[in-house]
Amino acid sequence: MERIGLIAGSGNFPAVFAGEAKKKGTRVIAFCIKDITDPDFSKYVYRTHWVDAARFQIQKFLFLLMAERIKKIVMVGKVDKTLVFNRFRSNKGVDAVIKSSKDGRDYSLLEDITKRFEKIGIKVVDGMEYLKDLLPDRGVLTKRHPSDAEERDVEFGMRIAKEIARLDIGQTVTVKDKAIVTVEAMEGTDKAIARAFDLVGEDYSVVKVARPRQDMRWDVPLVGPETIEAMIEHKARVLAIEAKKMFLVEKDKAIARADLHNITVVVL
């Protein structure tokens, strides 16, 4: 049976990946991060190992990889970058990774980590072969369709979001009346949505795109029920995502919640 290592971050997506891989007959060995990964994650995979990232137990991690005969590994789920630069930065191992990278951008840090894996014979791969079914078709997925004004906001937001993604700043913008309300940076999509509510209140649009050279080994662009819950809490009205490049996880659950709260989800 094929074996694959999974570095599991936060959120539901690591469990979704594990389920899709299991359907295809793959045995998933998970490496979970204390205080980040779901504490009940072991129920989704063949075997689970826990690593304390705050202490950066690199020797333990490498030993486990060798003991499990892992030759390829995927990284799935969120690891809040603010944790790397704050709580984890006090650790010499984490600090060495940051300092050895050419800059502090996500891809620079992840490229450095990937090279470290390759030196010990482990290939970092993307999960596309397991996840293709999660790419939604173009169109409006919800009962509610966008208004003419919202369509204009989304079109405008798409252009800006693609530009900030090209610059590797973030992948999400919020828009109201053809004005950019917030731009996602280190804080992530949900907090960018929360800031929009603080600034303009209700009835704004959320636009999320992929990077122009999205590397699926490290960075799987996605939305799902958590995104919808953030929009419900902070009174956003429209979610627009990029077709063929953005995963919609737990689609039925996400769309049901959106319909219940009169939120539009559109794939462009």
Protein backbone atom coordinates (compact mmCIF):
# COMPACT_ATOMS: atom_id res chain seq x y z
CA MET A 1 0.00 0.00 0.00
CA GLU A 2 1.25 3.49 -0.86
CA ARG A 3 2.35 5.57 2.14
CA ILE A 4 2.45 9.34 2.36
CA GLY A 5 3.44 11.65 5.17
CA LEU A 6 1.12 14.51 6.03
CA ILE A 7 2.22 17.60 7.94
CA ALA A 8 -1.16 18.68 9.27
CA GLY A 9 -1.86 22.31 10.08
CA SER A 10 -5.05 23.76 11.52
CA GLY A 11 -8.55 23.82 10.05
CA ASN A 12 -10.60 21.07 8.43
CA PHE A 13 -8.54 20.64 5.28
CA PRO A 14 -6.01 18.11 6.65
CA ALA A 15 -8.92 15.81 7.53
CA VAL A 16 -10.42 16.35 4.07
CA PHE A 17 -7.09 15.47 2.44
CA ALA A 18 -6.74 12.36 4.60
CA GLY A 19 -10.23 11.22 3.61
CA GLU A 20 -9.60 11.74 -0.11
CA ALA A 21 -6.24 9.93 0.08
CA LYS A 22 -7.82 7.01 1.94
CA LYS A 23 -10.44 6.66 -0.82
CA LYS A 24 -7.58 6.16 -3.28
CA GLY A 25 -5.98 3.44 -1.17
CA THR A 26 -3.18 5.50 0.35
CA ARG A 27 -1.99 5.05 3.92
CA VAL A 28 -1.57 8.46 5.57
CA ILE A 29 0.99 8.93 8.34
CA ALA A 30 0.29 12.27 10.00
CA PHE A 31 2.77 14.57 11.70
CA CYS A 32 0.70 16.91 13.82
CA ILE A 33 1.72 20.16 15.45
CA LYS A 34 0.80 20.68 19.08
CA ASP A 35 -1.51 23.66 19.66
CA ILE A 36 -2.21 23.90 15.91
CA THR A 37 -3.54 20.59 14.56
CA ASP A 38 -6.96 19.29 15.65
CA PRO A 39 -6.26 17.34 18.88
CA ASP A 40 -8.56 14.55 17.66
CA PHE A 41 -6.83 14.23 14.29
CA SER A 42 -5.72 10.63 14.86
CA LYS A 43 -9.20 9.36 13.93
CA TYR A 44 -8.67 10.45 10.31
CA VAL A 45 -5.38 8.70 9.53
CA TYR A 46 -3.52 5.40 9.83
CA ARG A 47 -1.06 6.71 12.42
CA THR A 48 -0.35 10.03 14.12
CA HIS A 49 2.82 11.55 15.56
CA TRP A 50 2.84 14.80 17.53
CA VAL A 51 5.64 17.36 17.32
CA ASP A 52 6.05 20.43 19.50
CA ALA A 53 6.80 23.17 16.95
CA ALA A 54 7.43 25.73 19.69
CA ARG A 55 10.40 23.63 20.78
CA PHE A 56 11.13 22.73 17.14
CA GLN A 57 11.84 19.06 17.81
CA ILE A 58 13.62 18.61 14.50
CA GLN A 59 15.62 15.56 15.52
CA LYS A 60 12.48 13.79 16.73
CA PHE A 61 10.70 14.70 13.52
CA LEU A 62 13.51 13.38 11.30
CA PHE A 63 13.71 10.17 13.32
CA LEU A 64 9.98 9.61 12.91
CA LEU A 65 10.17 10.20 9.15
CA MET A 66 12.89 7.58 8.82
CA ALA A 67 11.15 5.13 11.16
CA GLU A 68 7.95 5.38 9.11
CA ARG A 69 9.90 4.94 5.83
CA ILE A 70 8.41 8.16 4.45
CA LYS A 71 9.69 9.05 0.97
CA LYS A 72 7.14 11.72 0.10
CA ILE A 73 5.23 14.20 2.18
CA VAL A 74 2.51 16.82 1.77
CA MET A 75 1.84 19.96 3.81
CA VAL A 76 -1.85 20.72 4.31
CA GLY A 77 -3.67 23.15 6.59
CA LYS A 78 -2.96 26.53 8.07
CA VAL A 79 0.09 27.42 10.11
CA ASP A 80 -0.46 31.01 11.16
CA LYS A 81 2.59 32.93 10.02
CA THR A 82 2.33 35.22 13.04
CA LEU A 83 3.14 32.19 15.22
CA VAL A 84 6.35 31.61 13.27
CA PHE A 85 7.42 35.22 13.72
CA ASN A 86 6.33 35.50 17.36
CA ARG A 87 5.99 32.41 19.55
CA PHE A 88 8.22 30.08 17.47
CA ARG A 89 10.86 32.69 16.64
CA SER A 90 12.42 32.35 20.10
CA ASN A 91 13.51 28.83 19.15
CA LYS A 92 16.96 28.63 17.53
CA GLY A 93 15.80 26.09 14.94
CA VAL A 94 12.92 28.24 13.68
CA ASP A 95 15.06 31.36 13.76
CA ALA A 96 17.72 29.61 11.67
CA VAL A 97 15.16 28.73 8.99
CA ILE A 98 13.94 32.33 8.81
CA LYS A 99 17.45 33.77 8.67
CA SER A 100 18.61 31.32 5.99
CA SER A 101 15.74 32.26 3.66
CA LYS A 102 16.33 35.02 1.13
CA ASP A 103 13.35 36.95 2.59
CA GLY A 104 10.34 36.47 4.86
CA ARG A 105 7.78 35.71 2.17
CA ASP A 106 5.80 32.47 2.50
CA TYR A 107 7.31 30.86 -0.58
CA SER A 108 10.87 31.74 0.42
CA LEU A 109 10.45 30.10 3.82
CA LEU A 110 8.72 27.04 2.38
CA GLU A 111 11.31 26.62 -0.37
CA ASP A 112 14.02 26.56 2.28
CA ILE A 113 12.13 23.92 4.28
CA THR A 114 11.61 21.84 1.14
CA LYS A 115 15.34 21.84 0.37
CA ARG A 116 16.02 20.59 3.88
CA PHE A 117 13.65 17.66 3.30
CA GLU A 118 15.26 16.84 -0.05
CA LYS A 119 18.68 16.60 1.57
CA ILE A 120 17.45 13.59 3.56
CA GLY A 121 15.71 11.95 0.61
CA ILE A 122 12.13 13.09 1.22
CA LYS A 123 10.22 14.70 -1.63
CA VAL A 124 7.61 17.35 -0.87
CA VAL A 125 4.71 16.74 -3.29
CA ASP A 126 1.42 18.44 -3.99
CA GLY A 127 -1.92 16.80 -3.20
CA MET A 128 -3.62 17.48 -6.52
CA GLU A 129 -4.01 13.81 -7.44
CA TYR A 130 -6.14 13.37 -4.32
CA LEU A 131 -8.03 16.67 -4.43
CA LYS A 132 -9.18 17.33 -8.01
CA ASP A 133 -12.80 16.58 -7.11
CA LEU A 134 -12.81 19.63 -4.81
CA LEU A 135 -12.34 22.17 -7.63
CA PRO A 136 -15.82 23.64 -8.28
CA ASP A 137 -17.17 24.48 -11.73
CA ARG A 138 -17.77 28.07 -12.81
CA GLY A 139 -21.08 29.63 -11.86
CA VAL A 140 -23.19 30.72 -8.92
CA LEU A 141 -23.29 27.90 -6.36
CA THR A 142 -25.92 29.37 -4.04
CA LYS A 143 -29.60 30.25 -4.30
CA ARG A 144 -28.83 33.95 -4.08
CA HIS A 145 -27.19 35.55 -7.13
CA PRO A 146 -25.08 38.71 -6.95
CA SER A 147 -26.72 42.04 -7.71
CA ASP A 148 -25.41 44.22 -10.54
CA ALA A 149 -23.50 46.35 -8.03
CA GLU A 150 -22.00 43.26 -6.41
CA GLU A 151 -20.93 41.91 -9.81
CA ARG A 152 -19.08 45.17 -10.43
CA ASP A 153 -17.43 44.93 -7.01
CA VAL A 154 -16.35 41.35 -7.68
CA GLU A 155 -14.93 42.19 -11.10
CA PHE A 156 -13.00 45.09 -9.59
CA GLY A 157 -11.87 42.99 -6.63
CA MET A 158 -10.62 40.18 -8.89
CA ARG A 159 -8.22 42.56 -10.65
CA ILE A 160 -6.82 43.89 -7.39
CA ALA A 161 -6.64 40.46 -5.71
CA LYS A 162 -4.66 39.03 -8.63
CA GLU A 163 -2.20 41.90 -8.34
CA ILE A 164 -1.61 41.49 -4.60
CA ALA A 165 -1.27 37.73 -5.17
CA ARG A 166 1.32 38.40 -7.89
CA LEU A 167 3.27 40.50 -5.40
CA ASP A 168 2.95 37.70 -2.79
CA ILE A 169 1.22 39.98 -0.30
CA GLY A 170 -1.97 37.96 0.14
CA GLN A 171 -4.77 36.35 -1.84
CA THR A 172 -7.93 38.04 -0.55
CA VAL A 173 -9.46 41.48 -0.77
CA THR A 174 -12.78 42.80 0.48
CA VAL A 175 -14.71 45.31 -1.61
CA LYS A 176 -17.66 47.66 -1.23
CA ASP A 177 -18.90 50.17 -3.81
CA LYS A 178 -15.82 49.50 -5.98
CA ALA A 179 -13.51 50.49 -3.15
CA ILE A 180 -10.98 48.13 -1.58
CA VAL A 181 -11.82 47.85 2.10
CA THR A 182 -9.13 45.42 3.29
CA VAL A 183 -6.19 43.55 1.78
CA GLU A 184 -5.10 40.24 3.28
CA ALA A 185 -1.49 40.05 4.43
CA MET A 186 0.08 37.97 7.18
CA GLU A 187 -3.13 37.76 9.24
CA GLY A 188 -5.07 35.52 6.82
CA THR A 189 -8.48 35.62 5.13
CA ASP A 190 -10.75 35.41 8.17
CA LYS A 191 -9.09 38.35 9.92
CA ALA A 192 -9.20 40.41 6.73
CA ILE A 193 -12.96 39.77 6.69
CA ALA A 194 -13.24 40.81 10.34
CA ARG A 195 -11.39 44.08 9.65
CA ALA A 196 -13.77 44.82 6.77
CA PHE A 197 -16.73 44.60 9.14
CA ASP A 198 -15.00 46.99 11.54
CA LEU A 199 -14.48 49.47 8.72
CA VAL A 200 -17.68 49.38 6.67
CA GLY A 201 -20.17 47.22 8.51
CA GLU A 202 -22.31 44.87 6.42
CA ASP A 203 -22.94 43.93 2.78
CA TYR A 204 -19.45 43.85 1.28
CA SER A 205 -17.84 41.28 -1.02
CA VAL A 206 -14.93 38.92 -0.36
CA VAL A 207 -12.74 38.00 -3.34
CA LYS A 208 -10.08 35.28 -3.11
CA VAL A 209 -7.70 34.15 -5.86
CA ALA A 210 -4.70 31.87 -6.29
CA ARG A 211 -1.17 33.11 -6.75
CA PRO A 212 -0.17 33.28 -10.43
CA ARG A 213 2.44 30.57 -9.85
CA GLN A 214 0.69 28.75 -7.03
CA ASP A 215 2.87 25.92 -5.75
CA MET A 216 0.49 23.22 -4.54
CA ARG A 217 3.27 21.47 -2.63
CA TRP A 218 3.13 24.09 0.09
CA ASP A 219 0.16 26.26 -0.46
CA VAL A 220 -3.29 24.91 -1.28
CA PRO A 221 -5.70 27.83 -1.87
CA LEU A 222 -9.09 27.04 -0.42
CA VAL A 223 -12.32 28.22 1.09
CA GLY A 224 -14.91 26.24 3.01
CA PRO A 225 -17.34 26.31 5.93
CA GLU A 226 -14.89 28.27 8.09
CA THR A 227 -14.80 31.03 5.49
CA ILE A 228 -18.59 31.14 5.36
CA GLU A 229 -18.80 31.28 9.17
CA ALA A 230 -16.42 34.25 9.19
CA MET A 231 -18.64 35.96 6.61
CA ILE A 232 -21.78 35.24 8.62
CA GLU A 233 -20.23 36.63 11.81
CA HIS A 234 -18.94 39.73 10.06
CA LYS A 235 -21.90 40.31 7.73
CA ALA A 236 -20.27 39.86 4.33
CA ARG A 237 -22.67 39.22 1.45
CA VAL A 238 -20.70 37.74 -1.48
CA LEU A 239 -17.80 35.29 -1.76
CA ALA A 240 -16.11 35.12 -5.17
CA ILE A 241 -13.35 32.63 -5.92
CA GLU A 242 -11.20 31.85 -8.93
CA ALA A 243 -12.18 28.85 -11.07
CA LYS A 244 -9.83 25.87 -11.56
CA LYS A 245 -7.39 27.20 -8.96
CA MET A 246 -9.37 27.35 -5.70
CA PHE A 247 -10.57 24.40 -3.65
CA LEU A 248 -13.98 24.41 -1.99
CA VAL A 249 -13.83 21.96 0.89
CA GLU A 250 -16.95 20.47 2.48
CA LYS A 251 -18.90 22.03 -0.38
CA ASP A 252 -22.38 20.86 0.67
CA LYS A 253 -21.95 22.14 4.22
CA ALA A 254 -20.50 25.47 3.06
CA ILE A 255 -23.25 26.11 0.51
CA ALA A 256 -26.00 25.09 2.93
CA ARG A 257 -24.72 27.62 5.49
CA ALA A 258 -24.42 30.29 2.82
CA ASP A 259 -27.98 29.68 1.63
CA LEU A 260 -29.30 29.82 5.18
CA HIS A 261 -27.78 33.27 5.66
CA ASN A 262 -28.53 34.64 2.18
CA ILE A 263 -24.88 34.72 1.14
CA THR A 264 -23.76 34.39 -2.49
CA VAL A 265 -20.91 32.09 -3.52
CA VAL A 266 -19.73 32.51 -7.10
CA VAL A 267 -16.89 30.87 -9.03
CA LEU A 268 -15.38 32.96 -11.85
